[in-house]
Structures are given as structure tokens and as C-alpha cells.
Protein backbone atom coordinates (compact mmCIF):
# COMPACT_ATOMS: atom_id res chain seq x y z
CA MET A 1 -47.70 -5.26 -16.83
CA ARG A 2 -45.12 -7.82 -17.16
CA PRO A 3 -43.48 -8.86 -20.52
CA GLY A 4 -46.16 -10.73 -22.78
CA GLY A 5 -48.62 -8.75 -20.65
CA CYS A 6 -48.98 -5.61 -22.68
CA HIS A 7 -51.61 -6.57 -24.96
CA ARG A 8 -54.05 -7.87 -21.92
CA GLY A 9 -53.17 -4.35 -20.08
CA THR A 10 -54.11 -2.25 -23.13
CA TRP A 11 -57.39 -4.35 -23.42
CA LEU A 12 -58.13 -4.08 -19.57
CA LYS A 13 -57.46 -0.30 -19.76
CA ALA A 14 -59.57 0.23 -22.82
CA THR A 15 -62.35 -1.91 -21.32
CA LEU A 16 -62.53 -0.08 -18.12
CA ALA A 17 -62.12 3.09 -19.69
CA ASP A 18 -65.19 2.05 -21.84
CA ALA A 19 -67.42 1.11 -18.98
CA GLU A 20 -66.66 4.23 -16.94
CA ALA A 21 -67.46 6.34 -20.05
CA LYS A 22 -70.80 4.48 -20.24
CA GLY A 23 -71.40 4.89 -16.40
CA GLN A 24 -71.26 1.15 -15.73
CA GLN A 25 -69.77 -0.39 -12.52
CA VAL A 26 -67.39 -3.33 -12.95
CA ILE A 27 -66.50 -6.50 -11.24
CA VAL A 28 -63.40 -7.89 -12.69
CA LEU A 29 -62.69 -12.08 -12.00
CA GLY A 30 -59.57 -13.53 -12.21
CA HIS A 31 -57.90 -16.45 -10.89
CA MET A 32 -54.67 -15.45 -9.09
CA PRO A 33 -54.74 -13.11 -6.08
CA LEU A 34 -54.05 -9.35 -6.78
CA ALA A 35 -54.07 -8.27 -2.88
CA GLY A 36 -54.66 -10.02 0.80
CA GLY A 37 -53.89 -13.24 2.20
CA GLU A 38 -50.85 -14.99 2.96
CA THR A 39 -50.07 -16.27 -0.57
CA GLU A 40 -48.41 -15.18 -3.74
CA ASP A 41 -50.14 -12.86 -5.76
CA ALA A 42 -50.02 -12.57 -9.46
CA PRO A 43 -46.71 -11.71 -10.84
CA ASP A 44 -48.17 -8.69 -12.15
CA ALA A 45 -50.27 -7.84 -9.35
CA PRO A 46 -48.97 -4.31 -8.52
CA GLU A 47 -49.52 -3.39 -12.02
CA VAL A 48 -52.87 -4.86 -12.40
CA ARG A 49 -53.90 -3.37 -9.23
CA GLN A 50 -52.99 0.13 -10.13
CA VAL A 51 -55.02 -0.37 -13.40
CA LEU A 52 -57.97 -1.21 -11.56
CA GLU A 53 -57.80 1.37 -8.76
CA SER A 54 -57.21 4.12 -11.18
CA HIS A 55 -60.98 3.67 -12.49
CA PRO A 56 -63.53 4.66 -9.86
CA ASN A 57 -66.25 2.16 -11.76
CA VAL A 58 -64.40 -0.59 -10.52
CA VAL A 59 -65.96 -2.26 -7.48
CA ALA A 60 -64.25 -5.67 -7.02
CA TYR A 61 -61.83 -8.17 -8.04
CA LEU A 62 -63.04 -11.57 -7.51
CA ASN A 63 -60.58 -14.56 -7.84
CA GLY A 64 -59.78 -18.22 -6.37
CA HIS A 65 -56.35 -20.22 -6.17
CA TYR A 66 -55.81 -19.35 -2.46
CA HIS A 67 -57.85 -22.03 -0.67
CA PRO A 68 -58.12 -20.36 2.76
CA GLY A 69 -59.60 -17.25 1.15
CA ALA A 70 -58.83 -13.49 1.63
CA TYR A 71 -60.36 -9.96 1.56
CA GLU A 72 -59.14 -6.80 1.60
CA VAL A 73 -60.09 -3.38 0.12
CA VAL A 74 -57.29 -1.37 -1.47
CA GLY A 75 -57.54 1.95 -3.07
CA GLY A 76 -61.31 1.53 -3.05
CA VAL A 77 -61.59 -1.89 -4.75
CA HIS A 78 -62.78 -4.94 -3.17
CA TYR A 79 -60.21 -7.62 -3.53
CA VAL A 80 -62.14 -10.97 -2.58
CA THR A 81 -60.33 -14.40 -2.52
CA LEU A 82 -63.12 -16.76 -2.36
CA LYS A 83 -62.21 -19.98 -0.18
CA GLY A 84 -61.35 -23.00 -1.84
CA MET A 85 -64.49 -25.11 -2.05
CA VAL A 86 -62.66 -28.46 -2.42
CA GLU A 87 -61.83 -28.14 1.01
CA GLN A 88 -65.32 -28.72 2.43
CA PRO A 89 -65.43 -32.08 4.27
CA TYR A 90 -67.27 -34.61 2.05
CA PRO A 91 -70.47 -35.18 1.95
CA ALA A 92 -71.28 -31.64 2.58
CA SER A 93 -70.85 -28.93 -0.34
CA ALA A 94 -69.81 -25.54 -0.44
CA TYR A 95 -70.69 -22.67 -2.78
CA ALA A 96 -71.26 -18.91 -3.15
CA VAL A 97 -73.91 -16.92 -4.79
CA VAL A 98 -73.02 -13.48 -5.89
CA THR A 99 -75.88 -11.01 -6.36
CA VAL A 100 -75.47 -7.74 -7.89
CA GLN A 101 -77.72 -5.13 -6.76
CA GLU A 102 -77.84 -1.34 -7.80
CA ASN A 103 -75.83 0.00 -4.78
CA ARG A 104 -73.97 -3.21 -3.47
CA ILE A 105 -72.57 -6.68 -4.31
CA ARG A 106 -73.77 -9.52 -1.67
CA ILE A 107 -72.04 -12.52 -1.70
CA ASN A 108 -73.76 -15.31 0.15
CA GLY A 109 -71.50 -18.36 1.23
CA TYR A 110 -72.79 -21.81 1.92
CA GLY A 111 -70.46 -24.17 3.60
CA LEU A 112 -66.84 -22.45 3.61
CA PRO A 113 -67.36 -19.13 1.76
CA PRO A 114 -67.76 -15.99 3.85
CA GLU A 115 -70.84 -13.44 3.63
CA LEU A 116 -69.69 -10.19 2.29
CA VAL A 117 -71.56 -7.27 1.24
CA LEU A 118 -69.40 -5.12 -0.99
CA VAL A 119 -70.24 -1.21 -1.53
CA PRO A 120 -69.04 0.81 -4.52
CA ARG A 121 -66.81 3.55 -3.78
CA SER A 122 -68.35 7.04 -4.06
CA HIS A 123 -67.61 8.64 -7.58
């Protein structure tokens, strides 16, 4: 993790390990992209990706920031950058509904967001 990020990295590792020990699957939310798209990723993206991808219970990382949106699977983790809702022409609106099911995550987009089905990697 970048300087100043050590505490955050320790917290993330401990939280993911605790969820893994409990048999829980995890979705991580953030602002900056970690993978995919034609944008600058978060400054510590490689380190954060390594942490996420080292825990088989991490299903997805959802973020915004990059308005065109992006989607990529790296190391078994779904990296989803949701499209910027502010790009939807007025007066229409845009939003996404994320439904967590036992064996998948469904993202239903209305307006700009894509429709995706994310399937967890095998343990």
C-alpha cells in the first residue's frame, strides 16, 4: 500500500480474512477504479488488487469515478466501474439496482448503466 495506506491495508486484509473464515462472500465498494477502462486507476491499485485477488471470497469491486464505465475480471474478481449517471441526458434518469443472490450478483442498469451478472469464482 502507498505511504499512509498501511492502516487501511491492514484493515482490509483483516476484514477479508475474517469474512473468509466465516464463509462469507464479499463485495468491496470504492470510488477509484482498480482495473479496466481507459482511466487512471487508484494510486495503490496494484497493491489493493493483490489483496482482493488473494481472498477467494471476494466476488467483486464496484466503483465509479470513470464516467464511461468499465468491466474486467482479473484474478477471479469482477471489477465494475459504473457509468456516470450525470452523463444521462436530461430529463431522463439513470441508475442501477444491484441484487445479491446466493450464487450471483445481478446489476440491472436503467438508462446508462450496463446489465451484468457476476458469478463468484469457485473456492
